Amino acid sequence: MAKLKLTKGELKRQRDALRRFLRYLPILQLKKQQLQMEILHQVTVLETQRRAAEDKTRQIARWAGVFTDPGVELKRWLKPKGLLVGLKNIAGVDLELFERAEFEEPDYDLFTTPLWLDAAIESLRALISLREEMSVLERGITVLRRELRVTTQRVNLFEKVKIPEAEENIRIIKVYLGDQMANAVGRSKIAKRKIEQFEEAFA
């Protein structure tokens, strides 16, 4: 750290810096709080979707045996052609917002395929959509946690380093300038007294 200048100019700089830190700190604290709340919300939604995916997996498992029918090729109807994902901004952080997975429309002969095929495709697509949503949520939670870590570091820097440092610098400069002023007044009085004594001696 550079040596502290004990001047009026430096006193003004330190006071301006302190005002800036005190103005930014509540903004950072609010951002930290918003990030913590959003992480909690996202984790809750993720757990809900995880339970829904487990329920859906159990439902599908009951009749999964029919999937082995050699005349039916399910895989080509289950690969998403794309994800529709929006964006939302939380405390200055852009997060993906899952809307839906998009699939190709099934194109098969209704007379030659088994009756259960539509229900199977629908159930499996719902499960795939849940998994894609969970993946988006997990990425979002990772981004939020990283931003929270950076914001917390900044809050700590302001609270524990920058603000106390500026306050201490202001105190040191004020004490020094006060001492200088007192010394100047003392010197002025001594000089005045000497001048008066000199004038009296030659009067």
Protein backbone atom coordinates (compact mmCIF):
# COMPACT_ATOMS: atom_id res chain seq x y z
CA MET A 1 0.00 0.00 0.00
CA ALA A 2 1.27 3.50 -0.92
CA LYS A 3 2.34 5.75 1.92
CA LEU A 4 -0.56 7.89 3.15
CA LYS A 5 -0.16 11.59 2.30
CA LEU A 6 -1.03 13.76 5.27
CA THR A 7 -2.56 16.64 3.28
CA LYS A 8 -5.95 18.34 2.91
CA GLY A 9 -6.18 17.06 -0.67
CA GLU A 10 -5.68 13.48 0.54
CA LEU A 11 -8.26 14.05 3.29
CA LYS A 12 -10.81 15.02 0.62
CA ARG A 13 -9.89 11.97 -1.49
CA GLN A 14 -10.32 9.65 1.50
CA ARG A 15 -13.68 11.24 2.42
CA ASP A 16 -14.92 10.89 -1.19
CA ALA A 17 -13.80 7.25 -1.25
CA LEU A 18 -15.57 6.57 2.05
CA ARG A 19 -18.79 8.14 0.72
CA ARG A 20 -18.52 5.95 -2.41
CA PHE A 21 -17.97 2.77 -0.36
CA LEU A 22 -20.90 3.59 1.94
CA ARG A 23 -23.12 4.23 -1.10
CA TYR A 24 -22.17 1.00 -2.91
CA LEU A 25 -22.22 -1.31 0.12
CA PRO A 26 -26.06 -1.41 0.52
CA ILE A 27 -26.40 -2.12 -3.24
CA LEU A 28 -23.98 -5.05 -2.95
CA GLN A 29 -25.75 -6.31 0.20
CA LEU A 30 -29.11 -6.18 -1.62
CA LYS A 31 -27.63 -8.05 -4.59
CA LYS A 32 -26.24 -10.70 -2.22
CA GLN A 33 -29.66 -11.12 -0.60
CA GLN A 34 -31.44 -11.39 -3.99
CA LEU A 35 -28.94 -14.00 -5.19
CA GLN A 36 -29.38 -16.06 -1.99
CA MET A 37 -33.18 -15.96 -2.37
CA GLU A 38 -33.04 -16.92 -6.05
CA ILE A 39 -30.65 -19.83 -5.36
CA LEU A 40 -33.08 -21.09 -2.71
CA HIS A 41 -35.98 -20.76 -5.18
CA GLN A 42 -34.08 -22.51 -8.00
CA VAL A 43 -33.01 -25.37 -5.70
CA THR A 44 -36.64 -25.83 -4.58
CA VAL A 45 -37.87 -25.92 -8.19
CA LEU A 46 -35.08 -28.35 -9.11
CA GLU A 47 -36.06 -30.70 -6.26
CA THR A 48 -39.72 -30.55 -7.33
CA GLN A 49 -38.80 -31.40 -10.93
CA ARG A 50 -36.45 -34.15 -9.75
CA ARG A 51 -39.30 -35.78 -7.81
CA ALA A 52 -41.60 -35.39 -10.83
CA ALA A 53 -38.98 -37.09 -13.04
CA GLU A 54 -38.64 -39.96 -10.54
CA ASP A 55 -42.46 -40.39 -10.48
CA LYS A 56 -42.60 -40.35 -14.28
CA THR A 57 -39.75 -42.90 -14.46
CA ARG A 58 -41.65 -45.23 -12.09
CA GLN A 59 -44.84 -44.89 -14.17
CA ILE A 60 -42.99 -45.68 -17.39
CA ALA A 61 -41.15 -48.62 -15.81
CA ARG A 62 -44.47 -50.42 -15.24
CA TRP A 63 -45.05 -50.92 -18.93
CA ALA A 64 -41.48 -50.60 -20.26
CA GLY A 65 -41.58 -54.20 -21.45
CA VAL A 66 -43.58 -53.19 -24.52
CA PHE A 67 -40.71 -50.97 -25.67
CA THR A 68 -38.82 -54.08 -26.75
CA ASP A 69 -41.33 -54.71 -29.55
CA PRO A 70 -39.05 -55.27 -32.58
CA GLY A 71 -41.48 -53.54 -34.95
CA VAL A 72 -41.28 -50.20 -33.16
CA GLU A 73 -38.39 -47.72 -33.34
CA LEU A 74 -38.95 -45.16 -30.54
CA LYS A 75 -35.59 -43.41 -30.43
CA ARG A 76 -36.10 -41.22 -33.48
CA TRP A 77 -39.23 -39.67 -31.94
CA LEU A 78 -37.58 -38.93 -28.60
CA LYS A 79 -34.59 -36.75 -29.56
CA PRO A 80 -35.45 -33.05 -29.04
CA LYS A 81 -34.93 -30.97 -32.17
CA GLY A 82 -34.39 -27.95 -29.94
CA LEU A 83 -35.01 -26.30 -26.60
CA LEU A 84 -37.07 -23.17 -26.20
CA VAL A 85 -35.24 -21.20 -23.54
CA GLY A 86 -35.95 -17.62 -22.44
CA LEU A 87 -33.87 -15.32 -20.28
CA LYS A 88 -34.56 -13.63 -16.97
CA ASN A 89 -32.36 -11.19 -15.10
CA ILE A 90 -31.80 -11.65 -11.37
CA ALA A 91 -29.66 -8.96 -9.67
CA GLY A 92 -27.76 -8.30 -12.90
CA VAL A 93 -27.26 -12.00 -13.75
CA ASP A 94 -28.84 -13.41 -16.94
CA LEU A 95 -30.37 -16.84 -16.32
CA GLU A 96 -31.80 -19.31 -18.82
CA LEU A 97 -35.50 -19.92 -18.29
CA PHE A 98 -36.67 -23.31 -19.61
CA GLU A 99 -39.91 -23.12 -21.58
CA ARG A 100 -40.14 -26.41 -23.45
CA ALA A 101 -38.35 -29.05 -25.47
CA GLU A 102 -39.46 -29.28 -29.09
CA PHE A 103 -39.75 -32.62 -30.87
CA GLU A 104 -40.45 -33.72 -34.43
CA GLU A 105 -44.08 -34.63 -34.98
CA PRO A 106 -44.38 -38.44 -35.11
CA ASP A 107 -45.10 -39.64 -38.62
CA TYR A 108 -46.11 -43.29 -38.67
CA ASP A 109 -48.92 -45.50 -39.95
CA LEU A 110 -51.68 -45.65 -37.31
CA PHE A 111 -52.90 -49.01 -38.67
CA THR A 112 -49.57 -50.85 -38.48
CA THR A 113 -48.21 -49.54 -35.17
CA PRO A 114 -49.29 -50.67 -31.70
CA LEU A 115 -51.98 -48.73 -29.83
CA TRP A 116 -49.64 -47.90 -26.94
CA LEU A 117 -47.13 -46.01 -29.14
CA ASP A 118 -48.73 -42.54 -28.77
CA ALA A 119 -48.91 -42.83 -24.98
CA ALA A 120 -45.32 -44.12 -24.82
CA ILE A 121 -43.97 -41.26 -26.94
CA GLU A 122 -45.91 -38.70 -24.87
CA SER A 123 -44.70 -40.11 -21.52
CA LEU A 124 -41.09 -40.45 -22.62
CA ARG A 125 -41.07 -36.94 -24.09
CA ALA A 126 -42.45 -35.57 -20.80
CA LEU A 127 -39.59 -37.32 -18.96
CA ILE A 128 -37.00 -35.99 -21.41
CA SER A 129 -38.45 -32.46 -21.04
CA LEU A 130 -38.18 -32.72 -17.25
CA ARG A 131 -34.54 -33.79 -17.54
CA GLU A 132 -33.75 -30.92 -19.92
CA GLU A 133 -35.41 -28.47 -17.52
CA MET A 134 -33.39 -29.89 -14.63
CA SER A 135 -30.21 -29.40 -16.65
CA VAL A 136 -31.12 -25.73 -17.29
CA LEU A 137 -31.87 -25.25 -13.57
CA GLU A 138 -28.55 -26.84 -12.54
CA ARG A 139 -26.63 -24.54 -14.90
CA GLY A 140 -28.51 -21.55 -13.50
CA ILE A 141 -27.75 -22.52 -9.90
CA THR A 142 -24.04 -22.84 -10.80
CA VAL A 143 -24.04 -19.34 -12.36
CA LEU A 144 -25.90 -17.87 -9.34
CA ARG A 145 -23.55 -19.50 -6.83
CA ARG A 146 -20.50 -18.20 -8.69
CA GLU A 147 -21.99 -14.66 -8.74
CA LEU A 148 -22.91 -14.95 -5.05
CA ARG A 149 -19.32 -15.89 -4.19
CA VAL A 150 -17.95 -12.83 -6.06
CA THR A 151 -20.58 -10.51 -4.51
CA THR A 152 -19.90 -11.85 -1.00
CA GLN A 153 -16.16 -11.21 -1.52
CA ARG A 154 -16.94 -7.62 -2.54
CA VAL A 155 -19.25 -7.07 0.45
CA ASN A 156 -16.51 -8.40 2.76
CA LEU A 157 -13.89 -6.22 1.05
CA PHE A 158 -15.99 -3.10 1.59
CA GLU A 159 -17.13 -3.98 5.14
CA LYS A 160 -13.86 -5.34 6.51
CA VAL A 161 -11.15 -3.57 4.51
CA LYS A 162 -12.08 -0.52 2.44
CA ILE A 163 -14.46 1.28 4.82
CA PRO A 164 -12.37 0.74 8.01
CA GLU A 165 -9.21 1.66 6.06
CA ALA A 166 -10.74 4.93 4.77
CA GLU A 167 -12.09 5.79 8.24
CA GLU A 168 -8.67 5.17 9.82
CA ASN A 169 -6.90 7.22 7.11
CA ILE A 170 -9.31 10.12 7.70
CA ARG A 171 -8.68 9.91 11.46
CA ILE A 172 -4.88 9.91 10.98
CA ILE A 173 -4.93 12.85 8.56
CA LYS A 174 -7.29 14.87 10.79
CA VAL A 175 -5.07 14.28 13.85
CA TYR A 176 -1.96 15.26 11.86
CA LEU A 177 -3.59 18.39 10.37
CA GLY A 178 -4.94 19.30 13.83
CA ASP A 179 -1.45 18.98 15.32
CA GLN A 180 -0.01 21.05 12.47
CA MET A 181 -2.61 23.76 13.06
CA ALA A 182 -1.93 23.77 16.82
CA ASN A 183 1.82 23.99 16.15
CA ALA A 184 1.29 26.82 13.67
CA VAL A 185 -0.83 28.71 16.21
CA GLY A 186 1.87 28.11 18.86
CA ARG A 187 4.62 29.30 16.52
CA SER A 188 2.54 32.32 15.56
CA LYS A 189 2.08 33.27 19.23
CA ILE A 190 5.80 32.85 19.94
CA ALA A 191 6.69 34.94 16.87
CA LYS A 192 4.20 37.63 17.89
CA ARG A 193 5.61 37.70 21.43
CA LYS A 194 9.18 38.01 20.10
CA ILE A 195 8.14 40.83 17.79
CA GLU A 196 6.47 42.62 20.71
CA GLN A 197 9.58 42.12 22.89
CA PHE A 198 11.80 43.40 20.05
CA GLU A 199 9.60 46.47 19.58
CA GLU A 200 9.60 47.13 23.35
CA ALA A 201 13.41 46.87 23.46
CA PHE A 202 13.82 49.55 20.76
CA ALA A 203 10.93 51.78 21.85
